[in-house]
Amino acid sequence: VQLQASGGGLARTGGSLSLSCTASGNTLRSSVVGWFRQAPGKERELVATIGWRTGTTSYANFAKGRFTIGRDNTRKTAYLQMNSLKPEDTALYYCTATGAAGKFDYWGQGTLVTVSS
């Protein structure tokens, strides 16, 4: 599975951005697709996940109520809609998908989100 992330950019505090992650190669089938982020000098952290087959979602506490993860199975694309952005949301955002063993084995390149105050 190859993942291609896009949609990062610059937003102001309170603004919105939408990220996309398109998969190619093998289908995602029973994978879980997730978004992680890594801010400068900080560890990578999980933002949200979605079951590709079930659509079941989960969110980090900081993302609840502001971010929405979704997917379009026919387009093999996962989305992360980010609203009410804060400067602390500034980070490289990575999409990822689990492999057969249930671990996040597949990673896209990071897409940079910068939120200005």
PDB file of N, CA and C in Angstrom:
ATOM      1  N   VAL A   1       0.842  -1.187   0.000  1.00  0.00           N
ATOM      2  CA  VAL A   1       0.000   0.000   0.000  1.00  0.00           C
ATOM      3  C   VAL A   1       0.881   1.242   0.000  1.00  0.00           C
ATOM      4  N   GLN A   2       0.596   2.146  -0.909  1.00  0.00           N
ATOM      5  CA  GLN A   2       1.288   3.441  -0.915  1.00  0.00           C
ATOM      6  C   GLN A   2       0.265   4.511  -0.549  1.00  0.00           C
ATOM      7  N   LEU A   3       0.686   5.424   0.294  1.00  0.00           N
ATOM      8  CA  LEU A   3      -0.189   6.494   0.760  1.00  0.00           C
ATOM      9  C   LEU A   3       0.371   7.837   0.342  1.00  0.00           C
ATOM     10  N   GLN A   4      -0.501   8.677  -0.186  1.00  0.00           N
ATOM     11  CA  GLN A   4      -0.114  10.009  -0.620  1.00  0.00           C
ATOM     12  C   GLN A   4      -0.965  11.025   0.123  1.00  0.00           C
ATOM     13  N   ALA A   5      -0.314  11.814   0.964  1.00  0.00           N
ATOM     14  CA  ALA A   5      -1.017  12.839   1.745  1.00  0.00           C
ATOM     15  C   ALA A   5      -0.931  14.183   1.050  1.00  0.00           C
ATOM     16  N   SER A   6      -1.957  14.967   1.215  1.00  0.00           N
ATOM     17  CA  SER A   6      -1.967  16.311   0.638  1.00  0.00           C
ATOM     18  C   SER A   6      -2.903  17.196   1.443  1.00  0.00           C
ATOM     19  N   GLY A   7      -2.830  18.502   1.187  1.00  0.00           N
ATOM     20  CA  GLY A   7      -3.796  19.409   1.767  1.00  0.00           C
ATOM     21  C   GLY A   7      -3.278  20.298   2.876  1.00  0.00           C
ATOM     22  N   GLY A   8      -2.042  20.122   3.279  1.00  0.00           N
ATOM     23  CA  GLY A   8      -1.518  20.987   4.317  1.00  0.00           C
ATOM     24  C   GLY A   8      -1.355  22.405   3.822  1.00  0.00           C
ATOM     25  N   GLY A   9      -1.071  23.299   4.723  1.00  0.00           N
ATOM     26  CA  GLY A   9      -0.877  24.686   4.332  1.00  0.00           C
ATOM     27  C   GLY A   9      -0.902  25.582   5.542  1.00  0.00           C
ATOM     28  N   LEU A  10      -1.189  26.830   5.271  1.00  0.00           N
ATOM     29  CA  LEU A  10      -1.187  27.853   6.316  1.00  0.00           C
ATOM     30  C   LEU A  10      -2.619  28.271   6.623  1.00  0.00           C
ATOM     31  N   ALA A  11      -2.925  28.346   7.901  1.00  0.00           N
ATOM     32  CA  ALA A  11      -4.238  28.810   8.327  1.00  0.00           C
ATOM     33  C   ALA A  11      -4.062  29.748   9.513  1.00  0.00           C
ATOM     34  N   ARG A  12      -5.059  30.551   9.732  1.00  0.00           N
ATOM     35  CA  ARG A  12      -5.052  31.414  10.904  1.00  0.00           C
ATOM     36  C   ARG A  12      -5.761  30.721  12.052  1.00  0.00           C
ATOM     37  N   THR A  13      -5.493  31.172  13.239  1.00  0.00           N
ATOM     38  CA  THR A  13      -6.193  30.643  14.405  1.00  0.00           C
ATOM     39  C   THR A  13      -7.696  30.747  14.185  1.00  0.00           C
ATOM     40  N   GLY A  14      -8.372  29.631  14.442  1.00  0.00           N
ATOM     41  CA  GLY A  14      -9.808  29.591  14.215  1.00  0.00           C
ATOM     42  C   GLY A  14     -10.204  29.150  12.830  1.00  0.00           C
ATOM     43  N   GLY A  15      -9.223  29.028  11.960  1.00  0.00           N
ATOM     44  CA  GLY A  15      -9.497  28.642  10.591  1.00  0.00           C
ATOM     45  C   GLY A  15      -9.610  27.137  10.417  1.00  0.00           C
ATOM     46  N   SER A  16      -9.706  26.723   9.161  1.00  0.00           N
ATOM     47  CA  SER A  16      -9.903  25.307   8.837  1.00  0.00           C
ATOM     48  C   SER A  16      -8.953  24.868   7.728  1.00  0.00           C
ATOM     49  N   LEU A  17      -8.613  23.599   7.766  1.00  0.00           N
ATOM     50  CA  LEU A  17      -7.873  22.959   6.694  1.00  0.00           C
ATOM     51  C   LEU A  17      -8.383  21.541   6.548  1.00  0.00           C
ATOM     52  N   SER A  18      -8.260  21.011   5.354  1.00  0.00           N
ATOM     53  CA  SER A  18      -8.664  19.633   5.112  1.00  0.00           C
ATOM     54  C   SER A  18      -7.503  18.876   4.507  1.00  0.00           C
ATOM     55  N   LEU A  19      -7.180  17.742   5.088  1.00  0.00           N
ATOM     56  CA  LEU A  19      -6.114  16.889   4.594  1.00  0.00           C
ATOM     57  C   LEU A  19      -6.716  15.672   3.897  1.00  0.00           C
ATOM     58  N   SER A  20      -6.011  15.194   2.891  1.00  0.00           N
ATOM     59  CA  SER A  20      -6.437  13.985   2.179  1.00  0.00           C
ATOM     60  C   SER A  20      -5.314  12.977   2.170  1.00  0.00           C
ATOM     61  N   CYS A  21      -5.668  11.723   2.120  1.00  0.00           N
ATOM     62  CA  CYS A  21      -4.691  10.635   2.056  1.00  0.00           C
ATOM     63  C   CYS A  21      -5.232   9.599   1.088  1.00  0.00           C
ATOM     64  N   THR A  22      -4.582   9.471  -0.049  1.00  0.00           N
ATOM     65  CA  THR A  22      -5.055   8.558  -1.088  1.00  0.00           C
ATOM     66  C   THR A  22      -4.163   7.331  -1.141  1.00  0.00           C
ATOM     67  N   ALA A  23      -4.791   6.182  -1.164  1.00  0.00           N
ATOM     68  CA  ALA A  23      -4.060   4.918  -1.173  1.00  0.00           C
ATOM     69  C   ALA A  23      -3.987   4.345  -2.578  1.00  0.00           C
ATOM     70  N   SER A  24      -2.891   3.704  -2.867  1.00  0.00           N
ATOM     71  CA  SER A  24      -2.736   2.976  -4.122  1.00  0.00           C
ATOM     72  C   SER A  24      -2.055   1.657  -3.825  1.00  0.00           C
ATOM     73  N   GLY A  25      -2.051   0.780  -4.814  1.00  0.00           N
ATOM     74  CA  GLY A  25      -1.488  -0.542  -4.594  1.00  0.00           C
ATOM     75  C   GLY A  25      -2.559  -1.465  -4.040  1.00  0.00           C
ATOM     76  N   ASN A  26      -2.187  -2.268  -3.072  1.00  0.00           N
ATOM     77  CA  ASN A  26      -3.165  -3.175  -2.478  1.00  0.00           C
ATOM     78  C   ASN A  26      -4.283  -2.395  -1.803  1.00  0.00           C
ATOM     79  N   THR A  27      -5.464  -2.968  -1.792  1.00  0.00           N
ATOM     80  CA  THR A  27      -6.591  -2.278  -1.160  1.00  0.00           C
ATOM     81  C   THR A  27      -6.442  -2.294   0.354  1.00  0.00           C
ATOM     82  N   LEU A  28      -7.117  -1.382   0.999  1.00  0.00           N
ATOM     83  CA  LEU A  28      -7.007  -1.250   2.445  1.00  0.00           C
ATOM     84  C   LEU A  28      -7.837  -2.289   3.181  1.00  0.00           C
ATOM     85  N   ARG A  29      -8.890  -2.747   2.584  1.00  0.00           N
ATOM     86  CA  ARG A  29      -9.750  -3.814   3.115  1.00  0.00           C
ATOM     87  C   ARG A  29     -10.063  -3.606   4.584  1.00  0.00           C
ATOM     88  N   SER A  30      -9.433  -4.371   5.450  1.00  0.00           N
ATOM     89  CA  SER A  30      -9.729  -4.312   6.884  1.00  0.00           C
ATOM     90  C   SER A  30      -8.783  -3.409   7.653  1.00  0.00           C
ATOM     91  N   SER A  31      -8.058  -2.578   6.943  1.00  0.00           N
ATOM     92  CA  SER A  31      -7.092  -1.706   7.611  1.00  0.00           C
ATOM     93  C   SER A  31      -7.782  -0.654   8.466  1.00  0.00           C
ATOM     94  N   VAL A  32      -7.020  -0.143   9.395  1.00  0.00           N
ATOM     95  CA  VAL A  32      -7.371   1.082  10.099  1.00  0.00           C
ATOM     96  C   VAL A  32      -6.484   2.175   9.533  1.00  0.00           C
ATOM     97  N   VAL A  33      -7.077   3.264   9.137  1.00  0.00           N
ATOM     98  CA  VAL A  33      -6.327   4.404   8.618  1.00  0.00           C
ATOM     99  C   VAL A  33      -6.275   5.475   9.698  1.00  0.00           C
ATOM    100  N   GLY A  34      -5.110   6.035   9.871  1.00  0.00           N
ATOM    101  CA  GLY A  34      -4.946   7.020  10.926  1.00  0.00           C
ATOM    102  C   GLY A  34      -4.190   8.243  10.458  1.00  0.00           C
ATOM    103  N   TRP A  35      -4.336   9.288  11.215  1.00  0.00           N
ATOM    104  CA  TRP A  35      -3.527  10.490  11.054  1.00  0.00           C
ATOM    105  C   TRP A  35      -2.731  10.679  12.332  1.00  0.00           C
ATOM    106  N   PHE A  36      -1.442  10.879  12.169  1.00  0.00           N
ATOM    107  CA  PHE A  36      -0.553  11.249  13.253  1.00  0.00           C
ATOM    108  C   PHE A  36      -0.023  12.639  12.960  1.00  0.00           C
ATOM    109  N   ARG A  37       0.547  13.255  13.965  1.00  0.00           N
ATOM    110  CA  ARG A  37       1.216  14.521  13.748  1.00  0.00           C
ATOM    111  C   ARG A  37       2.463  14.606  14.615  1.00  0.00           C
ATOM    112  N   GLN A  38       3.397  15.403  14.137  1.00  0.00           N
ATOM    113  CA  GLN A  38       4.625  15.622  14.891  1.00  0.00           C
ATOM    114  C   GLN A  38       5.001  17.088  14.805  1.00  0.00           C
ATOM    115  N   ALA A  39       4.983  17.728  15.952  1.00  0.00           N
ATOM    116  CA  ALA A  39       5.374  19.125  16.027  1.00  0.00           C
ATOM    117  C   ALA A  39       6.880  19.211  16.279  1.00  0.00           C
ATOM    118  N   PRO A  40       7.490  20.317  15.937  1.00  0.00           N
ATOM    119  CA  PRO A  40       8.933  20.464  16.150  1.00  0.00           C
ATOM    120  C   PRO A  40       9.316  20.203  17.601  1.00  0.00           C
ATOM    121  N   GLY A  41      10.282  19.315  17.794  1.00  0.00           N
ATOM    122  CA  GLY A  41      10.778  19.037  19.131  1.00  0.00           C
ATOM    123  C   GLY A  41       9.872  18.145  19.959  1.00  0.00           C
ATOM    124  N   LYS A  42       8.816  17.635  19.357  1.00  0.00           N
ATOM    125  CA  LYS A  42       7.882  16.785  20.098  1.00  0.00           C
ATOM    126  C   LYS A  42       7.781  15.412  19.451  1.00  0.00           C
ATOM    127  N   GLU A  43       7.249  14.473  20.187  1.00  0.00           N
ATOM    128  CA  GLU A  43       7.070  13.129  19.667  1.00  0.00           C
ATOM    129  C   GLU A  43       5.830  13.068  18.773  1.00  0.00           C
ATOM    130  N   ARG A  44       5.855  12.094  17.884  1.00  0.00           N
ATOM    131  CA  ARG A  44       4.697  11.887  17.026  1.00  0.00           C
ATOM    132  C   ARG A  44       3.509  11.438  17.881  1.00  0.00           C
ATOM    133  N   GLU A  45       2.334  11.980  17.595  1.00  0.00           N
ATOM    134  CA  GLU A  45       1.148  11.617  18.367  1.00  0.00           C
ATOM    135  C   GLU A  45      -0.013  11.311  17.440  1.00  0.00           C
ATOM    136  N   LEU A  46      -0.848  10.422  17.911  1.00  0.00           N
ATOM    137  CA  LEU A  46      -2.022  10.014  17.141  1.00  0.00           C
ATOM    138  C   LEU A  46      -3.083  11.110  17.186  1.00  0.00           C
ATOM    139  N   VAL A  47      -3.680  11.371  16.053  1.00  0.00           N
ATOM    140  CA  VAL A  47      -4.728  12.383  15.965  1.00  0.00           C
ATOM    141  C   VAL A  47      -6.096  11.723  15.891  1.00  0.00           C
ATOM    142  N   ALA A  48      -6.261  10.808  14.936  1.00  0.00           N
ATOM    143  CA  ALA A  48      -7.561  10.176  14.724  1.00  0.00           C
ATOM    144  C   ALA A  48      -7.374   8.917  13.897  1.00  0.00           C
ATOM    145  N   THR A  49      -8.329   7.997  14.031  1.00  0.00           N
ATOM    146  CA  THR A  49      -8.306   6.777  13.222  1.00  0.00           C
ATOM    147  C   THR A  49      -9.700   6.481  12.696  1.00  0.00           C
ATOM    148  N   ILE A  50      -9.744   5.705  11.631  1.00  0.00           N
ATOM    149  CA  ILE A  50     -11.015   5.249  11.087  1.00  0.00           C
ATOM    150  C   ILE A  50     -10.842   3.850  10.532  1.00  0.00           C
ATOM    151  N   GLY A  51     -11.782   2.975  10.839  1.00  0.00           N
ATOM    152  CA  GLY A  51     -11.770   1.641  10.276  1.00  0.00           C
ATOM    153  C   GLY A  51     -12.202   1.712   8.823  1.00  0.00           C
ATOM    154  N   TRP A  52     -11.378   1.193   7.932  1.00  0.00           N
ATOM    155  CA  TRP A  52     -11.688   1.339   6.521  1.00  0.00           C
ATOM    156  C   TRP A  52     -12.972   0.624   6.140  1.00  0.00           C
ATOM    157  N   ARG A  53     -13.200  -0.523   6.738  1.00  0.00           N
ATOM    158  CA  ARG A  53     -14.402  -1.288   6.386  1.00  0.00           C
ATOM    159  C   ARG A  53     -15.602  -0.831   7.216  1.00  0.00           C
ATOM    160  N   THR A  54     -15.372  -0.578   8.502  1.00  0.00           N
ATOM    161  CA  THR A  54     -16.487  -0.296   9.415  1.00  0.00           C
ATOM    162  C   THR A  54     -16.840   1.179   9.498  1.00  0.00           C
ATOM    163  N   GLY A  55     -15.868   2.037   9.254  1.00  0.00           N
ATOM    164  CA  GLY A  55     -16.094   3.464   9.430  1.00  0.00           C
ATOM    165  C   GLY A  55     -16.028   3.918  10.871  1.00  0.00           C
ATOM    166  N   THR A  56     -15.675   3.030  11.775  1.00  0.00           N
ATOM    167  CA  THR A  56     -15.572   3.391  13.185  1.00  0.00           C
ATOM    168  C   THR A  56     -14.412   4.358  13.395  1.00  0.00           C
ATOM    169  N   THR A  57     -14.687   5.423  14.138  1.00  0.00           N
ATOM    170  CA  THR A  57     -13.677   6.471  14.327  1.00  0.00           C
ATOM    171  C   THR A  57     -13.250   6.584  15.783  1.00  0.00           C
ATOM    172  N   SER A  58     -12.059   7.122  15.967  1.00  0.00           N
ATOM    173  CA  SER A  58     -11.583   7.467  17.304  1.00  0.00           C
ATOM    174  C   SER A  58     -10.721   8.711  17.180  1.00  0.00           C
ATOM    175  N   TYR A  59     -10.663   9.479  18.266  1.00  0.00           N
ATOM    176  CA  TYR A  59      -9.962  10.757  18.246  1.00  0.00           C
ATOM    177  C   TYR A  59      -9.133  10.939  19.507  1.00  0.00           C
ATOM    178  N   ALA A  60      -8.016  11.606  19.358  1.00  0.00           N
ATOM    179  CA  ALA A  60      -7.292  12.096  20.515  1.00  0.00           C
ATOM    180  C   ALA A  60      -8.131  13.169  21.180  1.00  0.00           C
ATOM    181  N   ASN A  61      -7.915  13.363  22.459  1.00  0.00           N
ATOM    182  CA  ASN A  61      -8.731  14.339  23.182  1.00  0.00           C
ATOM    183  C   ASN A  61      -8.643  15.733  22.564  1.00  0.00           C
ATOM    184  N   PHE A  62      -7.450  16.098  22.119  1.00  0.00           N
ATOM    185  CA  PHE A  62      -7.283  17.445  21.574  1.00  0.00           C
ATOM    186  C   PHE A  62      -8.010  17.627  20.249  1.00  0.00           C
ATOM    187  N   ALA A  63      -8.368  16.500  19.603  1.00  0.00           N
ATOM    188  CA  ALA A  63      -9.023  16.573  18.305  1.00  0.00           C
ATOM    189  C   ALA A  63     -10.552  16.495  18.403  1.00  0.00           C
ATOM    190  N   LYS A  64     -11.040  16.016  19.513  1.00  0.00           N
ATOM    191  CA  LYS A  64     -12.486  15.840  19.659  1.00  0.00           C
ATOM    192  C   LYS A  64     -13.218  17.174  19.554  1.00  0.00           C
ATOM    193  N   GLY A  65     -14.250  17.174  18.731  1.00  0.00           N
ATOM    194  CA  GLY A  65     -15.045  18.382  18.572  1.00  0.00           C
ATOM    195  C   GLY A  65     -14.490  19.371  17.569  1.00  0.00           C
ATOM    196  N   ARG A  66     -13.254  19.180  17.153  1.00  0.00           N
ATOM    197  CA  ARG A  66     -12.651  20.101  16.183  1.00  0.00           C
ATOM    198  C   ARG A  66     -12.278  19.398  14.874  1.00  0.00           C
ATOM    199  N   PHE A  67     -11.815  18.170  14.973  1.00  0.00           N
ATOM    200  CA  PHE A  67     -11.360  17.424  13.789  1.00  0.00           C
ATOM    201  C   PHE A  67     -12.351  16.327  13.465  1.00  0.00           C
ATOM    202  N   THR A  68     -12.488  16.023  12.186  1.00  0.00           N
ATOM    203  CA  THR A  68     -13.338  14.942  11.741  1.00  0.00           C
ATOM    204  C   THR A  68     -12.595  14.102  10.713  1.00  0.00           C
ATOM    205  N   ILE A  69     -12.532  12.807  10.984  1.00  0.00           N
ATOM    206  CA  ILE A  69     -11.899  11.901  10.046  1.00  0.00           C
ATOM    207  C   ILE A  69     -12.982  11.178   9.259  1.00  0.00           C
ATOM    208  N   GLY A  70     -12.738  10.993   7.995  1.00  0.00           N
ATOM    209  CA  GLY A  70     -13.695  10.289   7.148  1.00  0.00           C
ATOM    210  C   GLY A  70     -12.972   9.547   6.043  1.00  0.00           C
ATOM    211  N   ARG A  71     -13.732   8.775   5.285  1.00  0.00           N
ATOM    212  CA  ARG A  71     -13.105   8.083   4.158  1.00  0.00           C
ATOM    213  C   ARG A  71     -14.094   7.880   3.046  1.00  0.00           C
ATOM    214  N   ASP A  72     -13.560   7.793   1.837  1.00  0.00           N
ATOM    215  CA  ASP A  72     -14.334   7.500   0.639  1.00  0.00           C
ATOM    216  C   ASP A  72     -13.745   6.218   0.068  1.00  0.00           C
ATOM    217  N   ASN A  73     -14.436   5.121   0.272  1.00  0.00           N
ATOM    218  CA  ASN A  73     -13.895   3.829  -0.129  1.00  0.00           C
ATOM    219  C   ASN A  73     -13.667   3.754  -1.638  1.00  0.00           C
ATOM    220  N   THR A  74     -14.590   4.323  -2.413  1.00  0.00           N
ATOM    221  CA  THR A  74     -14.461   4.203  -3.867  1.00  0.00           C
ATOM    222  C   THR A  74     -13.255   4.968  -4.381  1.00  0.00           C
ATOM    223  N   ARG A  75     -12.890   6.039  -3.705  1.00  0.00           N
ATOM    224  CA  ARG A  75     -11.734   6.835  -4.121  1.00  0.00           C
ATOM    225  C   ARG A  75     -10.477   6.450  -3.358  1.00  0.00           C
ATOM    226  N   LYS A  76     -10.610   5.478  -2.437  1.00  0.00           N
ATOM    227  CA  LYS A  76      -9.472   5.027  -1.626  1.00  0.00           C
ATOM    228  C   LYS A  76      -8.814   6.218  -0.935  1.00  0.00           C
ATOM    229  N   THR A  77      -9.594   7.100  -0.429  1.00  0.00           N
ATOM    230  CA  THR A  77      -9.087   8.332   0.167  1.00  0.00           C
ATOM    231  C   THR A  77      -9.666   8.539   1.550  1.00  0.00           C
ATOM    232  N   ALA A  78      -8.790   8.872   2.485  1.00  0.00           N
ATOM    233  CA  ALA A  78      -9.198   9.257   3.828  1.00  0.00           C
ATOM    234  C   ALA A  78      -9.017  10.752   3.967  1.00  0.00           C
ATOM    235  N   TYR A  79      -9.824  11.357   4.800  1.00  0.00           N
ATOM    236  CA  TYR A  79      -9.799  12.797   4.970  1.00  0.00           C
ATOM    237  C   TYR A  79      -9.653  13.147   6.442  1.00  0.00           C
ATOM    238  N   LEU A  80      -9.104  14.315   6.689  1.00  0.00           N
ATOM    239  CA  LEU A  80      -9.092  14.866   8.037  1.00  0.00           C
ATOM    240  C   LEU A  80      -9.497  16.328   7.920  1.00  0.00           C
ATOM    241  N   GLN A  81     -10.702  16.614   8.343  1.00  0.00           N
ATOM    242  CA  GLN A  81     -11.192  17.985   8.357  1.00  0.00           C
ATOM    243  C   GLN A  81     -10.840  18.598   9.699  1.00  0.00           C
ATOM    244  N   MET A  82     -10.114  19.691   9.665  1.00  0.00           N
ATOM    245  CA  MET A  82      -9.656  20.331  10.897  1.00  0.00           C
ATOM    246  C   MET A  82     -10.253  21.723  10.981  1.00  0.00           C
ATOM    247  N   ASN A  83     -11.046  21.941  12.006  1.00  0.00           N
ATOM    248  CA  ASN A  83     -11.688  23.235  12.241  1.00  0.00           C
ATOM    249  C   ASN A  83     -11.182  23.840  13.536  1.00  0.00           C
ATOM    250  N   SER A  84     -11.474  25.092  13.728  1.00  0.00           N
ATOM    251  CA  SER A  84     -11.078  25.802  14.957  1.00  0.00           C
ATOM    252  C   SER A  84      -9.608  25.572  15.264  1.00  0.00           C
ATOM    253  N   LEU A  85      -8.787  25.742  14.259  1.00  0.00           N
ATOM    254  CA  LEU A  85      -7.367  25.457  14.407  1.00  0.00           C
ATOM    255  C   LEU A  85      -6.704  26.393  15.404  1.00  0.00           C
ATOM    256  N   LYS A  86      -5.707  25.857  16.085  1.00  0.00           N
ATOM    257  CA  LYS A  86      -4.943  26.590  17.084  1.00  0.00           C
ATOM    258  C   LYS A  86      -3.468  26.556  16.693  1.00  0.00           C
ATOM    259  N   PRO A  87      -2.683  27.507  17.163  1.00  0.00           N
ATOM    260  CA  PRO A  87      -1.253  27.478  16.851  1.00  0.00           C
ATOM    261  C   PRO A  87      -0.594  26.158  17.258  1.00  0.00           C
ATOM    262  N   GLU A  88      -1.061  25.553  18.320  1.00  0.00           N
ATOM    263  CA  GLU A  88      -0.474  24.283  18.765  1.00  0.00           C
ATOM    264  C   GLU A  88      -0.810  23.108  17.845  1.00  0.00           C
ATOM    265  N   ASP A  89      -1.659  23.336  16.860  1.00  0.00           N
ATOM    266  CA  ASP A  89      -1.914  22.300  15.856  1.00  0.00           C
ATOM    267  C   ASP A  89      -0.842  22.298  14.773  1.00  0.00           C
ATOM    268  N   THR A  90       0.040  23.258  14.813  1.00  0.00           N
ATOM    269  CA  THR A  90       1.125  23.318  13.840  1.00  0.00           C
ATOM    270  C   THR A  90       1.996  22.071  13.954  1.00  0.00           C
ATOM    271  N   ALA A  91       2.133  21.347  12.856  1.00  0.00           N
ATOM    272  CA  ALA A  91       2.891  20.090  12.868  1.00  0.00           C
ATOM    273  C   ALA A  91       2.936  19.516  11.463  1.00  0.00           C
ATOM    274  N   LEU A  92       3.785  18.518  11.305  1.00  0.00           N
ATOM    275  CA  LEU A  92       3.726  17.657  10.126  1.00  0.00           C
ATOM    276  C   LEU A  92       2.674  16.588  10.394  1.00  0.00           C
ATOM    277  N   TYR A  93       1.750  16.447   9.477  1.00  0.00           N
ATOM    278  CA  TYR A  93       0.689  15.465   9.625  1.00  0.00           C
ATOM    279  C   TYR A  93       0.952  14.296   8.670  1.00  0.00           C
ATOM    280  N   TYR A  94       0.868  13.096   9.221  1.00  0.00           N
ATOM    281  CA  TYR A  94       1.150  11.881   8.455  1.00  0.00           C
ATOM    282  C   TYR A  94      -0.097  11.002   8.427  1.00  0.00           C
ATOM    283  N   CYS A  95      -0.380  10.433   7.281  1.00  0.00           N
ATOM    284  CA  CYS A  95      -1.408   9.410   7.248  1.00  0.00           C
ATOM    285  C   CYS A  95      -0.739   8.045   7.263  1.00  0.00           C
ATOM    286  N   THR A  96      -1.447   7.081   7.803  1.00  0.00           N
ATOM    287  CA  THR A  96      -0.888   5.751   7.981  1.00  0.00           C
ATOM    288  C   THR A  96      -2.006   4.727   7.905  1.00  0.00           C
ATOM    289  N   ALA A  97      -1.630   3.503   7.644  1.00  0.00           N
ATOM    290  CA  ALA A  97      -2.607   2.425   7.576  1.00  0.00           C
ATOM    291  C   ALA A  97      -2.003   1.161   8.160  1.00  0.00           C
ATOM    292  N   THR A  98      -2.852   0.377   8.777  1.00  0.00           N
ATOM    293  CA  THR A  98      -2.370  -0.869   9.366  1.00  0.00           C
ATOM    294  C   THR A  98      -2.227  -1.952   8.312  1.00  0.00           C
ATOM    295  N   GLY A  99      -1.303  -2.875   8.609  1.00  0.00           N
ATOM    296  CA  GLY A  99      -1.112  -4.044   7.763  1.00  0.00           C
ATOM    297  C   GLY A  99      -1.818  -5.245   8.352  1.00  0.00           C
ATOM    298  N   ALA A 100      -1.424  -6.421   7.902  1.00  0.00           N
ATOM    299  CA  ALA A 100      -2.089  -7.646   8.305  1.00  0.00           C
ATOM    300  C   ALA A 100      -1.998  -7.899   9.802  1.00  0.00           C
ATOM    301  N   ALA A 101      -0.933  -7.457  10.427  1.00  0.00           N
ATOM    302  CA  ALA A 101      -0.737  -7.688  11.857  1.00  0.00           C
ATOM    303  C   ALA A 101      -1.382  -6.613  12.711  1.00  0.00           C
ATOM    304  N   GLY A 102      -2.071  -5.660  12.086  1.00  0.00           N
ATOM    305  CA  GLY A 102      -2.742  -4.632  12.859  1.00  0.00           C
ATOM    306  C   GLY A 102      -1.859  -3.494  13.320  1.00  0.00           C
ATOM    307  N   LYS A 103      -0.646  -3.439  12.804  1.00  0.00           N
ATOM    308  CA  LYS A 103       0.250  -2.331  13.155  1.00  0.00           C
ATOM    309  C   LYS A 103       0.270  -1.326  12.018  1.00  0.00           C
ATOM    310  N   PHE A 104       0.589  -0.094  12.346  1.00  0.00           N
ATOM    311  CA  PHE A 104       0.675   0.948  11.318  1.00  0.00           C
ATOM    312  C   PHE A 104       1.953   0.725  10.515  1.00  0.00           C
ATOM    313  N   ASP A 105       1.816  -0.056   9.463  1.00  0.00           N
ATOM    314  CA  ASP A 105       2.965  -0.435   8.651  1.00  0.00           C
ATOM    315  C   ASP A 105       3.201   0.493   7.473  1.00  0.00           C
ATOM    316  N   TYR A 106       2.165   1.168   7.038  1.00  0.00           N
ATOM    317  CA  TYR A 106       2.249   1.990   5.831  1.00  0.00           C
ATOM    318  C   TYR A 106       2.105   3.456   6.207  1.00  0.00           C
ATOM    319  N   TRP A 107       3.000   4.258   5.658  1.00  0.00           N
ATOM    320  CA  TRP A 107       3.033   5.684   5.995  1.00  0.00           C
ATOM    321  C   TRP A 107       3.148   6.506   4.727  1.00  0.00           C
ATOM    322  N   GLY A 108       2.398   7.598   4.704  1.00  0.00           N
ATOM    323  CA  GLY A 108       2.569   8.577   3.647  1.00  0.00           C
ATOM    324  C   GLY A 108       3.614   9.590   4.067  1.00  0.00           C
ATOM    325  N   GLN A 109       3.969  10.459   3.145  1.00  0.00           N
ATOM    326  CA  GLN A 109       4.894  11.526   3.498  1.00  0.00           C
ATOM    327  C   GLN A 109       4.119  12.559   4.324  1.00  0.00           C
ATOM    328  N   GLY A 110       4.782  13.285   5.128  1.00  0.00           N
ATOM    329  CA  GLY A 110       4.110  14.283   5.952  1.00  0.00           C
ATOM    330  C   GLY A 110       3.632  15.468   5.129  1.00  0.00           C
ATOM    331  N   THR A 111       2.574  16.062   5.583  1.00  0.00           N
ATOM    332  CA  THR A 111       2.105  17.310   4.987  1.00  0.00           C
ATOM    333  C   THR A 111       2.052  18.356   6.098  1.00  0.00           C
ATOM    334  N   LEU A 112       2.637  19.511   5.836  1.00  0.00           N
ATOM    335  CA  LEU A 112       2.832  20.512   6.876  1.00  0.00           C
ATOM    336  C   LEU A 112       1.593  21.377   7.066  1.00  0.00           C
ATOM    337  N   VAL A 113       1.186  21.485   8.313  1.00  0.00           N
ATOM    338  CA  VAL A 113       0.103  22.386   8.711  1.00  0.00           C
ATOM    339  C   VAL A 113       0.703  23.445   9.625  1.00  0.00           C
ATOM    340  N   THR A 114       0.504  24.686   9.255  1.00  0.00           N
ATOM    341  CA  THR A 114       1.000  25.802  10.053  1.00  0.00           C
ATOM    342  C   THR A 114      -0.166  26.699  10.406  1.00  0.00           C
ATOM    343  N   VAL A 115      -0.338  26.944  11.693  1.00  0.00           N
ATOM    344  CA  VAL A 115      -1.430  27.798  12.155  1.00  0.00           C
ATOM    345  C   VAL A 115      -0.821  29.034  12.802  1.00  0.00           C
ATOM    346  N   SER A 116      -1.153  30.174  12.255  1.00  0.00           N
ATOM    347  CA  SER A 116      -0.606  31.426  12.774  1.00  0.00           C
ATOM    348  C   SER A 116      -1.559  32.015  13.812  1.00  0.00           C
ATOM    349  N   SER A 117      -0.961  32.708  14.769  1.00  0.00           N
ATOM    350  CA  SER A 117      -1.780  33.321  15.831  1.00  0.00           C
ATOM    351  C   SER A 117      -2.235  34.698  15.431  1.00  0.00           C
TER     352      SER A 117
END
